[in-house]
Each structure stands twice: as C-alpha cells, then as structure tokens.
C-alpha cells in the first residue's frame, strides 16, 4: 500500500469535488451557457486540480526526496519521477 493511501481521506473528497465541477462544465455546455460562465467553471476546475497537484507534489517530496534515511539512489529516483511529470505536463 502506498503512502498516499494514508492521505486518501483528505484527497478523495477533493477529487470528488473536482468531478462535480467537471460535471458542472458539461451541464453548462449542454445548456448553452455563456462563454463567460463556462470560463469561470473551467478556471475553478483548473485551480482545484492545481491545488491537488501541489499537495501531492509536496507529499512526494517529503516521502521520496527529503525523508531522512533515504539512500542517494532513492532520492535521485524520487526527484527523477517528479521531474518527468513536470517535463511532461508543465507545457
């Protein structure tokens, strides 16, 4: 079991709220809402996803890079995982 399972009680409600926000975007598009309204909904989802990502990044750094007792190889692997995600999705 991964260390995130310990935080799932905090993370799952956030993910469910994001799912609800995405559903609101779908409903707004179906209802032909104004582009301004849809923009606000999408911006809210983006903010929520960024907040979730920030929390998981901090946890990853704490557990896989900065945790006392990790070997140099474990720290390097943890840092490389994070860099790969940043390179792939920060474009």
Protein backbone atom coordinates (compact mmCIF):
# COMPACT_ATOMS: atom_id res chain seq x y z
CA UNK A 1 0.00 0.00 0.00
CA UNK A 2 1.42 3.42 -0.97
CA UNK A 3 1.86 6.31 1.38
CA UNK A 4 -0.89 8.25 -0.40
CA UNK A 5 -3.40 5.75 0.93
CA UNK A 6 -2.79 7.33 4.33
CA UNK A 7 -3.94 10.66 2.87
CA UNK A 8 -6.84 9.31 0.83
CA UNK A 9 -9.35 10.55 3.40
CA UNK A 10 -8.17 14.08 2.55
CA UNK A 11 -7.59 13.59 -1.18
CA UNK A 12 -10.74 11.71 -2.18
CA UNK A 13 -13.18 14.48 -1.19
CA UNK A 14 -11.10 16.93 -3.21
CA UNK A 15 -11.18 14.62 -6.22
CA UNK A 16 -14.94 14.20 -5.85
CA UNK A 17 -15.39 17.99 -5.74
CA UNK A 18 -13.33 18.28 -8.93
CA UNK A 19 -15.51 15.61 -10.56
CA UNK A 20 -18.56 17.63 -9.57
CA UNK A 21 -17.03 20.77 -11.03
CA UNK A 22 -16.30 18.96 -14.31
CA UNK A 23 -19.91 17.80 -14.34
CA UNK A 24 -20.98 21.42 -13.95
CA UNK A 25 -18.96 22.31 -17.05
CA UNK A 26 -20.69 19.55 -19.01
CA UNK A 27 -24.11 20.74 -17.84
CA UNK A 28 -23.25 24.34 -18.71
CA UNK A 29 -22.18 23.35 -22.21
CA UNK A 30 -25.29 21.24 -22.68
CA UNK A 31 -27.45 24.16 -21.52
CA UNK A 32 -25.66 26.52 -23.93
CA UNK A 33 -24.38 28.70 -21.06
CA UNK A 34 -22.49 31.88 -21.85
CA UNK A 35 -18.79 31.55 -22.60
CA UNK A 36 -18.08 33.72 -19.55
CA UNK A 37 -19.89 31.30 -17.28
CA UNK A 38 -18.08 28.33 -18.80
CA UNK A 39 -14.74 30.11 -18.47
CA UNK A 40 -15.36 30.62 -14.75
CA UNK A 41 -16.23 26.96 -14.30
CA UNK A 42 -13.15 25.79 -16.19
CA UNK A 43 -10.93 28.19 -14.24
CA UNK A 44 -12.33 26.82 -10.98
CA UNK A 45 -11.52 23.25 -12.07
CA UNK A 46 -8.03 24.30 -13.08
CA UNK A 47 -7.46 25.89 -9.69
CA UNK A 48 -8.79 22.82 -7.88
CA UNK A 49 -6.61 20.45 -9.92
CA UNK A 50 -3.57 22.66 -9.37
CA UNK A 51 -4.23 22.64 -5.62
CA UNK A 52 -4.49 18.85 -5.63
CA UNK A 53 -1.32 18.58 -7.68
CA UNK A 54 0.52 20.89 -5.28
CA UNK A 55 -0.50 18.76 -2.32
CA UNK A 56 0.63 15.54 -3.99
CA UNK A 57 3.93 17.12 -5.11
CA UNK A 58 4.67 18.22 -1.55
CA UNK A 59 3.86 14.75 -0.26
CA UNK A 60 6.08 13.19 -2.93
CA UNK A 61 8.97 15.47 -2.00
CA UNK A 62 8.50 14.73 1.70
CA UNK A 63 8.38 10.95 1.19
CA UNK A 64 10.71 10.36 -1.77
CA UNK A 65 13.28 13.15 -1.71
CA UNK A 66 13.57 14.76 1.73
CA UNK A 67 12.73 11.86 4.03
CA UNK A 68 15.62 11.17 6.40
CA UNK A 69 17.20 7.77 5.83
CA UNK A 70 16.67 7.57 2.09
CA UNK A 71 19.66 6.45 0.09
CA UNK A 72 21.12 8.72 -2.57
CA UNK A 73 19.66 6.38 -5.20
CA UNK A 74 16.18 6.59 -3.64
CA UNK A 75 16.39 10.40 -3.52
CA UNK A 76 17.55 10.54 -7.13
CA UNK A 77 14.71 8.25 -8.21
CA UNK A 78 12.15 10.35 -6.34
CA UNK A 79 13.49 13.55 -7.88
CA UNK A 80 13.54 11.99 -11.35
CA UNK A 81 9.89 10.91 -11.03
CA UNK A 82 8.89 14.44 -10.19
CA UNK A 83 10.99 15.97 -12.97
CA UNK A 84 9.47 13.57 -15.51
CA UNK A 85 5.96 14.65 -14.53
CA UNK A 86 6.90 18.33 -14.65
CA UNK A 87 8.55 17.96 -18.07
CA UNK A 88 5.59 16.07 -19.46
CA UNK A 89 2.70 18.11 -18.10
CA UNK A 90 4.02 21.62 -17.44
CA UNK A 91 3.92 22.59 -21.09
